[in-house]
Amino acid sequence: HKAEVVFSQIKDISPRSKIEHSNAGIHTEADAKEFVRGCDLVIDEMDFGLFKQSVALQRAARQSGKYYFFTSAIAFGAMIVIFAPGGITLEEFDGLPAGIDLNRLDKVDVPLDRVLPVMPSYVPIEAANALKEVYSGKRAVPTVSVGVGLASVLAANEAINIILQKREIAVAPRFTYIDLMDRRFIIGSVS
């Protein structure tokens, strides 16, 4: 499990660190509330196909007055969207009704430009249908370790900024996107 791997890596770096982890996953909003209890902020690097869990986490973070980060690896790039506790919701960012029933999310079609506001130049247009299958959870996310690493770096950088309050926080509907193959760095907005 990923949780055990990350736990082990953190313990290697800082043996005295106090870390709680679980392999149980998030299945309900109550699970999400328990998960964010005691956190300073919530960083979500979930797969697109686990959208229901992401909405539950963002709701729990918001109710607890905490920032929620949605990060995703996209091929040779990554994107991060930071949701402020009093800002827009993940549902609103994705063009869905606020407070939508989580059990209906499996049947909801999120517009591609919300999930992937910047299309890498090396992704053929014909791949759009495949990408819809990815974010609906029907197909694995096509990415490489570069994108995964960038997603983690973006999340760590923004977490440090929130903790130290060194600069303005680009909160949703704004997003930060970086792609090393395209040599692009964008702070954009979906609105």
Protein backbone atom coordinates (compact mmCIF):
# COMPACT_ATOMS: atom_id res chain seq x y z
CA HIS A 1 0.00 0.00 0.00
CA LYS A 2 1.09 3.55 -0.74
CA ALA A 3 0.41 4.60 2.86
CA GLU A 4 2.92 2.07 4.18
CA VAL A 5 5.58 3.10 1.65
CA VAL A 6 5.23 6.80 2.48
CA PHE A 7 5.17 6.01 6.21
CA SER A 8 8.42 4.05 5.85
CA GLN A 9 10.08 6.81 3.82
CA ILE A 10 9.16 9.51 6.34
CA LYS A 11 10.43 7.36 9.21
CA ASP A 12 13.73 6.91 7.33
CA ILE A 13 14.06 10.68 7.05
CA SER A 14 12.83 11.51 10.54
CA PRO A 15 12.71 8.48 12.86
CA ARG A 16 11.19 10.51 15.73
CA SER A 17 8.30 11.85 13.68
CA LYS A 18 4.78 11.01 14.83
CA ILE A 19 2.80 9.63 11.91
CA GLU A 20 -0.60 8.01 11.77
CA HIS A 21 -1.49 6.12 8.62
CA SER A 22 -4.21 3.78 7.50
CA ASN A 23 -4.82 1.38 4.65
CA ALA A 24 -8.59 1.50 5.18
CA GLY A 25 -9.23 4.23 2.61
CA ILE A 26 -12.00 6.79 2.47
CA HIS A 27 -15.46 5.41 1.79
CA THR A 28 -17.74 7.91 3.54
CA GLU A 29 -17.76 11.54 4.61
CA ALA A 30 -17.26 10.30 8.19
CA ASP A 31 -14.05 8.56 7.07
CA ALA A 32 -12.88 11.83 5.51
CA LYS A 33 -13.63 13.80 8.69
CA GLU A 34 -11.63 11.31 10.73
CA PHE A 35 -8.78 11.47 8.21
CA VAL A 36 -8.43 15.29 8.38
CA ARG A 37 -8.76 15.45 12.18
CA GLY A 38 -5.50 16.78 13.58
CA CYS A 39 -4.12 17.86 10.18
CA ASP A 40 -2.94 21.39 9.46
CA LEU A 41 -3.84 21.09 5.78
CA VAL A 42 -4.97 18.33 3.42
CA ILE A 43 -2.94 17.29 0.37
CA ASP A 44 -4.81 15.00 -2.01
CA GLU A 45 -2.77 13.31 -4.73
CA MET A 46 -5.50 10.82 -5.56
CA ASP A 47 -6.25 9.40 -8.96
CA PHE A 48 -8.92 11.13 -11.04
CA GLY A 49 -11.09 8.01 -10.77
CA LEU A 50 -11.44 8.55 -7.01
CA PHE A 51 -13.36 11.81 -7.38
CA LYS A 52 -15.96 10.86 -4.75
CA GLN A 53 -13.21 10.51 -2.14
CA SER A 54 -11.66 13.83 -3.19
CA VAL A 55 -14.98 15.65 -2.74
CA ALA A 56 -15.42 14.05 0.69
CA LEU A 57 -11.89 15.14 1.70
CA GLN A 58 -12.40 18.69 0.46
CA ARG A 59 -15.69 18.96 2.34
CA ALA A 60 -14.08 17.67 5.54
CA ALA A 61 -11.14 20.07 5.20
CA ARG A 62 -13.49 23.00 4.55
CA GLN A 63 -15.66 22.14 7.58
CA SER A 64 -12.49 21.99 9.70
CA GLY A 65 -11.24 25.37 8.43
CA LYS A 66 -8.27 23.82 6.60
CA TYR A 67 -6.80 24.28 3.15
CA TYR A 68 -7.31 21.39 0.73
CA PHE A 69 -4.91 20.78 -2.18
CA PHE A 70 -5.93 18.75 -5.21
CA THR A 71 -2.80 17.75 -7.09
CA SER A 72 -2.54 15.57 -10.14
CA ALA A 73 0.26 14.19 -12.27
CA ILE A 74 -0.36 14.70 -15.97
CA ALA A 75 2.22 12.89 -18.14
CA PHE A 76 5.41 15.01 -17.84
CA GLY A 77 3.60 17.67 -15.85
CA ALA A 78 1.44 18.34 -12.84
CA MET A 79 -1.32 20.61 -11.64
CA ILE A 80 -2.34 21.85 -8.22
CA VAL A 81 -5.55 23.56 -7.17
CA ILE A 82 -5.69 24.99 -3.64
CA PHE A 83 -9.09 25.33 -2.01
CA ALA A 84 -9.30 27.86 0.81
CA PRO A 85 -11.58 26.97 3.73
CA GLY A 86 -13.94 29.82 2.83
CA GLY A 87 -13.47 29.68 -0.94
CA ILE A 88 -15.17 27.75 -3.70
CA THR A 89 -15.71 24.03 -3.37
CA LEU A 90 -14.26 21.23 -5.48
CA GLU A 91 -17.75 20.69 -6.87
CA GLU A 92 -18.00 24.34 -7.95
CA PHE A 93 -14.52 24.21 -9.49
CA ASP A 94 -15.60 21.21 -11.55
CA GLY A 95 -18.88 22.83 -12.60
CA LEU A 96 -21.08 20.65 -10.39
CA PRO A 97 -23.80 21.72 -7.95
CA ALA A 98 -22.49 22.50 -4.47
CA GLY A 99 -23.41 19.79 -1.98
CA ILE A 100 -24.05 17.15 -4.64
CA ASP A 101 -24.88 13.70 -3.26
CA LEU A 102 -21.63 11.71 -3.22
CA ASN A 103 -23.49 8.61 -4.36
CA ARG A 104 -24.41 10.44 -7.59
CA LEU A 105 -20.81 11.33 -8.45
CA ASP A 106 -20.28 8.06 -10.32
CA LYS A 107 -22.89 9.24 -12.82
CA VAL A 108 -21.64 12.82 -13.18
CA ASP A 109 -19.65 14.00 -16.19
CA VAL A 110 -17.06 16.62 -15.22
CA PRO A 111 -16.03 18.83 -18.17
CA LEU A 112 -12.52 17.95 -19.36
CA ASP A 113 -11.37 21.59 -19.19
CA ARG A 114 -12.00 21.54 -15.42
CA VAL A 115 -9.99 18.39 -14.80
CA LEU A 116 -7.30 19.28 -17.32
CA PRO A 117 -7.42 23.04 -18.00
CA VAL A 118 -4.14 22.88 -19.94
CA MET A 119 -3.67 20.10 -22.48
CA PRO A 120 -0.02 19.11 -23.01
CA SER A 121 1.05 19.77 -26.61
CA TYR A 122 2.29 16.20 -27.02
CA VAL A 123 -1.12 14.67 -26.21
CA PRO A 124 -3.03 14.06 -29.45
CA ILE A 125 -6.53 15.53 -29.69
CA GLU A 126 -7.89 12.02 -30.29
CA ALA A 127 -6.82 11.18 -26.75
CA ALA A 128 -9.62 13.34 -25.29
CA ASN A 129 -12.02 10.38 -25.11
CA ALA A 130 -9.38 8.28 -23.39
CA LEU A 131 -8.83 11.13 -20.90
CA LYS A 132 -12.55 11.14 -20.10
CA GLU A 133 -12.24 7.44 -19.28
CA VAL A 134 -9.28 8.24 -17.02
CA TYR A 135 -11.02 10.83 -14.88
CA SER A 136 -14.19 8.74 -14.69
CA GLY A 137 -12.10 5.90 -13.23
CA LYS A 138 -12.55 3.51 -16.15
CA ARG A 139 -8.88 3.62 -17.18
CA ALA A 140 -5.58 4.07 -15.34
CA VAL A 141 -3.97 7.52 -15.42
CA PRO A 142 -1.24 7.73 -18.09
CA THR A 143 1.68 9.42 -16.41
CA VAL A 144 5.38 9.09 -15.77
CA SER A 145 7.48 9.53 -12.66
CA VAL A 146 8.32 13.10 -13.74
CA GLY A 147 4.68 14.16 -13.36
CA VAL A 148 4.29 12.34 -10.05
CA GLY A 149 7.42 14.02 -8.71
CA LEU A 150 6.26 17.44 -9.89
CA ALA A 151 2.86 16.98 -8.22
CA SER A 152 4.61 16.24 -4.92
CA VAL A 153 6.99 19.19 -5.32
CA LEU A 154 4.12 21.57 -6.12
CA ALA A 155 2.21 20.35 -3.05
CA ALA A 156 5.24 20.66 -0.76
CA ASN A 157 6.06 24.13 -2.06
CA GLU A 158 2.52 25.41 -1.57
CA ALA A 159 2.27 23.81 1.89
CA ILE A 160 5.43 25.64 2.95
CA ASN A 161 4.02 28.89 1.57
CA ILE A 162 0.79 28.49 3.54
CA ILE A 163 2.66 27.66 6.74
CA LEU A 164 5.21 30.49 6.37
CA GLN A 165 2.83 32.96 4.63
CA LYS A 166 5.56 34.24 2.29
CA ARG A 167 3.40 35.15 -0.72
CA GLU A 168 -0.15 35.26 -1.97
CA ILE A 169 -1.85 31.87 -2.23
CA ALA A 170 -3.29 31.12 -5.68
CA VAL A 171 -6.62 29.63 -4.57
CA ALA A 172 -9.40 28.10 -6.66
CA PRO A 173 -10.65 28.91 -9.24
CA ARG A 174 -6.96 29.54 -9.97
CA PHE A 175 -4.58 26.64 -10.57
CA THR A 176 -0.86 26.16 -11.07
CA TYR A 177 0.29 23.93 -13.93
CA ILE A 178 3.82 22.94 -14.86
CA ASP A 179 5.02 20.67 -17.66
CA LEU A 180 8.70 19.97 -18.21
CA MET A 181 8.30 18.45 -21.67
CA ASP A 182 6.43 21.55 -22.90
CA ARG A 183 8.56 23.86 -20.72
CA ARG A 184 5.43 25.56 -19.44
CA PHE A 185 4.60 27.13 -16.09
CA ILE A 186 1.10 28.58 -15.86
CA ILE A 187 -0.96 30.14 -13.13
CA GLY A 188 -4.40 30.16 -14.71
CA SER A 189 -8.08 30.15 -13.81
CA VAL A 190 -11.04 28.05 -14.86
CA SER A 191 -13.49 30.93 -14.47
